[in-house]
Amino acid sequence: MATFDAKAWTFTSGYPSGLAITNIQPPRANEIKGLGTTPHMLVKIKACALNPVDIQMMNLMGGYLASLAKPKGCVCDFSGTIIAGGRTGFIQDDEVFGMTLTPFDYAGGALAEMAQFNMANAVAAKKPKEWSFEQAAAIPLVWLTARTCIENVARQVGESTSKRVAILGGSSAVGMYTILLAKRRGWKVITTSSSRNKDFVTSTLGADEHVDYTSQPVRSSVQKFAPEAVIDCVGGTACIGLPSSKRYITIVGDKTGRSSMGGPYTYYNFLSYHAPLQWIRWVRGYMGWAESYDVVILEMKREWLEEAKETLTPDQIFIDSTFGFEQAKEAFERLNTGRARGKVVVKVS
């Protein structure tokens, strides 16, 4: 059994009512090698970054169960130092960053002083020396999602003569890295955001054209650009089926609310009228009757995290705000406004 406690933010019902600081009991360092058939590691968390999916998972799990039998961990993105690397290839005191797909494991959430990660459902890499722990925690989920998006339209855009792509939601945490990756490939980018973010997405990120979704007609403005593909980081249906588009991918689905799960889950949420419409689009694209359509989720590839280390300078890591460990609820409140430009980070230790 464990010989010490660690503090963690956990939940027993939906956000925000179920979120509270509790004591967890991580395994001892010498127990890590013997945990299961897949490698585990034990990490002293230095910082973690919040994502909308963290709130959505709390609402999904806590909403179906009025009171969970045991507190569940939360938050996917982390950076920290290795306490025990098990069979992962990391050793004690290595500085790492990464993410987990199953933060709700009792001792597996990143919003904690210490966390145990099952590497069957996590990915990590050594942290670059020039990145702070806060910067490193801000990267994994959004970078891997952006990289997945680019990979999913690479054939349609990269093999075209125009090399034009539309990225909806360019100032979102995923959208900004999708723009950076597209521009690195030499693609031309049109993006959407509010007017206050126009200079950021054009001057800082390099987008070629901008549409202010609060004052301009999004569909007709994007169609004038004639993109070969559309990457949707915000949800909705405004740019589905553009005449020039051969490929449409979305990380959200048709939904536009922030509290419910997006991604491929939306295909199976038959309580929503969006699900059958998404299936119809997918089938039409698969049969070649319309643009190819998919709702995608990030791919957990360590080599893509390594690529981020080689690609991003510290000034290309965008942090909206940083909060202390005890201020986690305020951090979630900031995230939930939908107005954060860059990541909301919690400094743990």
Protein backbone atom coordinates (compact mmCIF):
# COMPACT_ATOMS: atom_id res chain seq x y z
CA MET A 1 0.00 0.00 0.00
CA ALA A 2 1.00 3.61 -0.42
CA THR A 3 2.89 5.25 2.40
CA PHE A 4 1.91 8.88 1.70
CA ASP A 5 -0.94 11.07 0.52
CA ALA A 6 -0.95 13.69 -2.20
CA LYS A 7 -3.46 16.45 -2.80
CA ALA A 8 -5.53 16.35 -5.97
CA TRP A 9 -8.54 18.07 -7.42
CA THR A 10 -11.18 15.39 -7.99
CA PHE A 11 -14.88 15.27 -8.80
CA THR A 12 -17.84 13.22 -7.58
CA SER A 13 -20.51 14.84 -9.77
CA GLY A 14 -20.69 17.27 -12.68
CA TYR A 15 -18.81 20.55 -13.00
CA PRO A 16 -18.57 22.75 -10.99
CA SER A 17 -20.43 21.40 -7.96
CA GLY A 18 -18.52 18.12 -7.73
CA LEU A 19 -15.00 19.59 -7.95
CA ALA A 20 -13.00 19.60 -4.70
CA ILE A 21 -9.51 19.06 -3.25
CA THR A 22 -9.07 15.60 -1.78
CA ASN A 23 -6.22 13.38 -0.64
CA ILE A 24 -5.24 10.55 -2.96
CA GLN A 25 -2.85 7.67 -2.37
CA PRO A 26 -0.58 7.12 -5.38
CA PRO A 27 1.43 3.90 -5.53
CA ARG A 28 4.92 3.81 -4.09
CA ALA A 29 7.80 4.25 -6.49
CA ASN A 30 8.86 0.61 -6.15
CA GLU A 31 5.35 -0.57 -7.09
CA ILE A 32 5.31 1.11 -10.50
CA LYS A 33 7.15 -1.63 -12.44
CA GLY A 34 4.66 -4.25 -11.31
CA LEU A 35 1.48 -2.43 -12.29
CA GLY A 36 -0.33 -4.29 -15.05
CA THR A 37 0.94 -5.49 -18.39
CA THR A 38 1.57 -2.00 -19.83
CA PRO A 39 4.15 0.49 -18.55
CA HIS A 40 3.20 2.98 -15.84
CA MET A 41 5.05 5.99 -14.51
CA LEU A 42 4.76 8.14 -11.41
CA VAL A 43 5.18 11.90 -11.90
CA LYS A 44 5.52 14.85 -9.56
CA ILE A 45 3.31 17.35 -11.36
CA LYS A 46 4.76 20.82 -11.84
CA ALA A 47 2.00 22.28 -14.03
CA CYS A 48 -1.11 21.24 -15.89
CA ALA A 49 -3.24 22.91 -18.56
CA LEU A 50 -7.02 22.92 -18.74
CA ASN A 51 -9.10 22.02 -21.79
CA PRO A 52 -12.85 22.17 -22.46
CA VAL A 53 -12.86 18.37 -22.59
CA ASP A 54 -11.92 18.33 -18.89
CA ILE A 55 -15.23 20.01 -18.06
CA GLN A 56 -17.11 17.88 -20.57
CA MET A 57 -15.78 14.65 -19.04
CA MET A 58 -16.79 15.78 -15.56
CA ASN A 59 -20.29 16.54 -16.83
CA LEU A 60 -20.49 13.27 -18.76
CA MET A 61 -19.34 11.01 -15.93
CA GLY A 62 -20.80 12.97 -13.04
CA GLY A 63 -24.02 13.72 -14.87
CA TYR A 64 -24.94 10.07 -15.43
CA LEU A 65 -24.01 9.12 -11.86
CA ALA A 66 -25.60 11.37 -9.23
CA SER A 67 -22.77 10.51 -6.87
CA LEU A 68 -19.68 8.59 -7.95
CA ALA A 69 -18.64 5.84 -5.56
CA LYS A 70 -15.07 7.16 -5.49
CA PRO A 71 -13.61 10.57 -6.39
CA LYS A 72 -12.23 10.72 -9.92
CA GLY A 73 -9.16 12.64 -11.08
CA CYS A 74 -9.36 15.33 -13.75
CA VAL A 75 -7.28 17.22 -16.35
CA CYS A 76 -5.32 15.67 -19.24
CA ASP A 77 -2.24 17.86 -19.92
CA PHE A 78 0.76 17.80 -17.59
CA SER A 79 4.43 18.54 -17.09
CA GLY A 80 6.60 17.44 -14.20
CA THR A 81 9.49 15.30 -13.01
CA ILE A 82 9.67 11.54 -12.96
CA ILE A 83 9.52 9.88 -9.55
CA ALA A 84 9.52 6.37 -11.00
CA GLY A 85 9.64 5.58 -14.71
CA GLY A 86 8.76 1.91 -14.50
CA ARG A 87 9.25 0.38 -17.93
CA THR A 88 8.62 3.62 -19.84
CA GLY A 89 12.27 4.44 -20.58
CA PHE A 90 12.17 7.52 -18.35
CA ILE A 91 14.26 7.62 -15.19
CA GLN A 92 14.00 9.45 -11.89
CA ASP A 93 14.25 13.26 -12.18
CA ASP A 94 13.66 13.33 -15.95
CA GLU A 95 11.61 16.41 -16.82
CA VAL A 96 8.66 15.36 -18.98
CA PHE A 97 5.47 16.66 -20.54
CA GLY A 98 2.50 14.83 -22.01
CA MET A 99 -1.15 13.99 -21.66
CA THR A 100 -3.48 11.19 -20.61
CA LEU A 101 -6.77 10.14 -22.15
CA THR A 102 -8.02 8.71 -18.84
CA PRO A 103 -7.51 11.41 -16.19
CA PHE A 104 -10.49 10.10 -14.25
CA ASP A 105 -8.42 7.21 -12.94
CA TYR A 106 -8.35 7.76 -9.18
CA ALA A 107 -4.67 8.73 -9.05
CA GLY A 108 -4.31 9.55 -12.75
CA GLY A 109 -5.51 13.13 -13.13
CA ALA A 110 -2.95 15.84 -13.89
CA LEU A 111 -4.52 18.37 -11.52
CA ALA A 112 -2.66 16.84 -8.61
CA GLU A 113 0.61 17.03 -6.73
CA MET A 114 1.46 13.55 -7.96
CA ALA A 115 -0.06 11.34 -10.66
CA GLN A 116 0.27 7.80 -11.93
CA PHE A 117 -0.04 7.40 -15.72
CA ASN A 118 -0.83 4.18 -17.54
CA MET A 119 1.05 4.58 -20.81
CA ALA A 120 -1.51 2.50 -22.68
CA ASN A 121 -3.65 5.64 -22.46
CA ALA A 122 -1.01 8.36 -22.25
CA VAL A 123 1.90 9.84 -24.15
CA ALA A 124 4.94 11.73 -22.88
CA ALA A 125 8.30 13.10 -23.97
CA LYS A 126 11.24 14.81 -22.31
CA LYS A 127 10.69 18.52 -21.75
CA PRO A 128 12.97 20.90 -23.66
CA LYS A 129 15.22 22.89 -21.34
CA GLU A 130 14.18 26.18 -22.93
CA TRP A 131 10.48 25.61 -22.13
CA SER A 132 9.12 26.36 -18.67
CA PHE A 133 6.97 23.70 -17.03
CA GLU A 134 3.95 25.93 -17.63
CA GLN A 135 4.75 26.18 -21.34
CA ALA A 136 5.32 22.44 -21.63
CA ALA A 137 1.97 21.64 -19.99
CA ALA A 138 0.20 23.93 -22.47
CA ILE A 139 1.22 21.95 -25.55
CA PRO A 140 0.26 18.23 -25.68
CA LEU A 141 -3.50 18.05 -26.32
CA VAL A 142 -3.75 21.09 -28.59
CA TRP A 143 -0.61 20.26 -30.57
CA LEU A 144 -1.57 16.62 -31.10
CA THR A 145 -5.07 17.68 -32.13
CA ALA A 146 -3.75 20.30 -34.55
CA ARG A 147 -1.26 17.81 -35.97
CA THR A 148 -4.05 15.26 -36.46
CA CYS A 149 -6.15 17.86 -38.27
CA ILE A 150 -3.32 18.73 -40.66
CA GLU A 151 -2.64 15.06 -41.36
CA ASN A 152 -6.32 14.52 -42.16
CA VAL A 153 -6.35 17.11 -44.96
CA ALA A 154 -2.75 16.76 -46.13
CA ARG A 155 -3.60 14.90 -49.32
CA GLN A 156 -6.41 17.21 -50.43
CA VAL A 157 -4.51 20.43 -49.68
CA GLY A 158 -0.90 19.37 -50.17
CA GLU A 159 -1.49 17.78 -53.58
CA SER A 160 -3.58 20.67 -54.92
CA THR A 161 -2.20 23.54 -56.97
CA SER A 162 -3.82 26.23 -54.79
CA LYS A 163 -2.90 24.70 -51.39
CA ARG A 164 -5.72 26.58 -49.69
CA VAL A 165 -7.30 25.57 -46.38
CA ALA A 166 -9.95 27.18 -44.18
CA ILE A 167 -9.40 26.92 -40.42
CA LEU A 168 -12.52 27.88 -38.50
CA GLY A 169 -11.73 29.23 -35.03
CA GLY A 170 -8.16 30.36 -35.64
CA SER A 171 -7.76 31.99 -32.22
CA SER A 172 -8.89 28.86 -30.36
CA ALA A 173 -6.24 26.83 -28.57
CA VAL A 174 -6.23 24.18 -31.32
CA GLY A 175 -6.85 26.61 -34.17
CA MET A 176 -3.73 28.66 -33.52
CA TYR A 177 -1.40 25.66 -33.79
CA THR A 178 -3.27 24.38 -36.83
CA ILE A 179 -2.54 27.70 -38.54
CA LEU A 180 1.15 27.52 -37.57
CA LEU A 181 1.44 23.98 -38.92
CA ALA A 182 -0.38 24.85 -42.16
CA LYS A 183 1.87 27.83 -42.80
CA ARG A 184 4.98 25.72 -42.16
CA ARG A 185 3.83 23.53 -45.07
CA GLY A 186 3.47 26.55 -47.32
CA TRP A 187 -0.34 26.44 -47.39
CA LYS A 188 -2.54 29.52 -47.76
CA VAL A 189 -4.92 29.95 -44.84
CA ILE A 190 -8.20 31.74 -44.28
CA THR A 191 -9.42 31.72 -40.70
CA THR A 192 -12.30 33.00 -38.60
CA SER A 193 -12.29 34.79 -35.26
CA SER A 194 -13.73 37.90 -33.65
CA SER A 195 -12.29 41.26 -34.65
CA ARG A 196 -10.24 41.56 -31.46
CA ASN A 197 -8.16 38.56 -32.55
CA LYS A 198 -7.63 39.61 -36.16
CA ASP A 199 -4.09 40.94 -35.67
CA PHE A 200 -3.16 37.87 -33.63
CA VAL A 201 -4.24 35.33 -36.26
CA THR A 202 -2.84 37.30 -39.21
CA SER A 203 0.29 39.08 -37.94
CA THR A 204 1.38 36.63 -35.21
CA LEU A 205 0.21 33.31 -36.66
CA GLY A 206 0.46 34.20 -40.35
CA ALA A 207 -3.06 33.56 -41.67
CA ASP A 208 -3.47 35.04 -45.16
CA GLU A 209 -7.09 36.11 -44.82
CA HIS A 210 -9.45 36.71 -41.90
CA VAL A 211 -13.22 36.61 -41.47
CA ASP A 212 -14.82 38.32 -38.49
CA TYR A 213 -17.63 35.91 -37.66
CA THR A 214 -19.41 38.59 -35.60
CA SER A 215 -19.92 40.98 -38.53
CA GLN A 216 -19.22 39.14 -41.80
CA PRO A 217 -21.09 36.30 -43.56
CA VAL A 218 -18.82 33.36 -42.79
CA ARG A 219 -19.91 30.94 -45.50
CA SER A 220 -19.76 33.31 -48.45
CA SER A 221 -16.53 34.92 -47.22
CA VAL A 222 -14.79 31.56 -46.88
CA GLN A 223 -16.09 30.33 -50.22
CA LYS A 224 -14.57 33.32 -52.00
CA PHE A 225 -11.21 32.00 -50.78
CA ALA A 226 -12.05 28.63 -52.44
CA PRO A 227 -10.38 26.28 -49.92
CA GLU A 228 -9.58 22.71 -50.88
CA ALA A 229 -10.46 21.61 -47.32
CA VAL A 230 -12.04 22.94 -44.13
CA ILE A 231 -10.74 22.31 -40.60
CA ASP A 232 -13.43 23.18 -38.07
CA CYS A 233 -12.22 23.90 -34.51
CA VAL A 234 -15.41 25.52 -33.22
CA GLY A 235 -18.45 23.49 -34.30
CA GLY A 236 -21.54 24.38 -36.25
CA THR A 237 -22.38 23.81 -39.91
CA ALA A 238 -21.70 27.15 -41.62
CA CYS A 239 -19.02 25.87 -44.03
CA ILE A 240 -20.13 22.31 -44.70
CA GLY A 241 -20.45 21.49 -48.40
CA LEU A 242 -18.58 24.41 -49.93
CA PRO A 243 -18.31 23.93 -53.73
CA SER A 244 -14.49 24.05 -53.65
CA SER A 245 -14.00 21.76 -50.64
CA LYS A 246 -12.96 18.15 -51.07
CA ARG A 247 -12.53 17.40 -47.36
CA TYR A 248 -14.22 18.64 -44.18
CA ILE A 249 -12.99 17.63 -40.75
CA THR A 250 -14.17 18.82 -37.36
CA ILE A 251 -12.91 18.21 -33.84
CA VAL A 252 -16.27 19.23 -32.38
CA GLY A 253 -19.09 18.01 -34.59
CA ASP A 254 -22.17 20.08 -35.25
CA LYS A 255 -22.67 21.13 -31.63
CA THR A 256 -21.78 24.66 -30.56
CA GLY A 257 -22.18 24.39 -26.76
CA ARG A 258 -19.13 24.03 -24.50
CA SER A 259 -20.58 21.82 -21.77
CA SER A 260 -21.21 18.57 -23.69
CA MET A 261 -18.72 16.21 -25.31
CA GLY A 262 -17.55 16.83 -28.85
CA GLY A 263 -15.40 14.74 -31.16
CA PRO A 264 -16.41 11.28 -32.43
CA TYR A 265 -18.69 10.91 -29.39
CA THR A 266 -21.17 13.11 -31.25
CA TYR A 267 -21.71 10.34 -33.82
CA TYR A 268 -23.28 8.22 -31.07
CA ASN A 269 -25.15 10.84 -29.07
CA PHE A 270 -28.53 9.88 -30.47
CA LEU A 271 -30.25 12.15 -27.97
CA SER A 272 -29.09 14.90 -30.33
CA TYR A 273 -30.45 15.47 -33.82
CA HIS A 274 -26.87 16.19 -34.96
CA ALA A 275 -25.81 12.52 -34.87
CA PRO A 276 -27.84 11.22 -37.86
CA LEU A 277 -26.91 14.29 -39.92
CA GLN A 278 -23.22 13.64 -39.28
CA TRP A 279 -23.61 9.98 -40.25
CA ILE A 280 -25.36 10.97 -43.49
CA ARG A 281 -22.52 13.35 -44.36
CA TRP A 282 -19.93 10.69 -43.60
CA VAL A 283 -21.68 8.12 -45.80
CA ARG A 284 -22.09 10.59 -48.68
CA GLY A 285 -18.39 11.42 -48.50
CA TYR A 286 -17.37 7.77 -48.23
CA MET A 287 -19.41 6.93 -51.33
CA GLY A 288 -17.88 9.84 -53.24
CA TRP A 289 -21.17 11.71 -53.56
CA ALA A 290 -19.96 14.78 -51.63
CA GLU A 291 -16.91 16.14 -49.85
CA SER A 292 -15.20 13.65 -47.54
CA TYR A 293 -16.41 14.25 -43.95
CA ASP A 294 -15.07 13.15 -40.57
CA VAL A 295 -15.27 14.06 -36.89
CA VAL A 296 -11.75 13.36 -35.62
CA ILE A 297 -9.94 12.92 -32.32
CA LEU A 298 -6.24 13.45 -31.69
CA GLU A 299 -3.71 10.71 -32.36
CA MET A 300 -1.44 9.91 -29.40
CA LYS A 301 1.89 9.85 -31.20
CA ARG A 302 5.06 10.46 -29.22
CA GLU A 303 6.93 11.38 -32.40
CA TRP A 304 4.52 14.28 -32.85
CA LEU A 305 5.37 15.54 -29.35
CA GLU A 306 9.02 15.30 -30.34
CA GLU A 307 8.18 17.29 -33.44
CA ALA A 308 6.64 20.02 -31.28
CA LYS A 309 9.96 20.33 -29.43
CA GLU A 310 11.77 20.88 -32.72
CA THR A 311 9.13 23.23 -34.13
CA LEU A 312 7.95 25.60 -31.40
CA THR A 313 10.02 28.34 -29.83
CA PRO A 314 8.94 29.54 -26.37
CA ASP A 315 7.30 32.64 -27.87
CA GLN A 316 5.06 30.38 -29.98
CA ILE A 317 3.53 28.77 -26.91
CA PHE A 318 0.47 30.82 -26.06
CA ILE A 319 -0.67 30.97 -22.43
CA ASP A 320 -3.73 33.02 -21.56
CA SER A 321 -3.36 32.93 -17.78
CA THR A 322 -1.70 31.02 -14.95
CA PHE A 323 -3.31 30.12 -11.62
CA GLY A 324 -2.05 28.54 -8.40
CA PHE A 325 -3.06 25.04 -7.35
CA GLU A 326 -5.57 26.32 -4.80
CA GLN A 327 -7.11 28.53 -7.51
CA ALA A 328 -8.16 25.67 -9.79
CA LYS A 329 -11.84 26.62 -9.66
CA GLU A 330 -11.00 30.15 -10.80
CA ALA A 331 -8.89 28.65 -13.58
CA PHE A 332 -11.84 26.55 -14.76
CA GLU A 333 -14.06 29.64 -14.62
CA ARG A 334 -11.63 31.47 -16.90
CA LEU A 335 -11.58 28.53 -19.33
CA ASN A 336 -15.35 28.31 -19.31
CA THR A 337 -15.79 31.91 -20.43
CA GLY A 338 -14.68 30.86 -23.93
CA ARG A 339 -12.61 34.05 -24.14
CA ALA A 340 -9.19 32.65 -23.26
CA ARG A 341 -6.61 33.20 -26.01
CA GLY A 342 -4.17 30.39 -25.45
CA LYS A 343 -4.11 27.93 -22.62
CA VAL A 344 -5.25 28.31 -19.03
CA VAL A 345 -2.51 26.79 -16.88
CA VAL A 346 -2.41 25.71 -13.22
CA LYS A 347 0.99 25.81 -11.51
CA VAL A 348 0.99 22.85 -9.16
CA SER A 349 4.35 23.00 -7.40
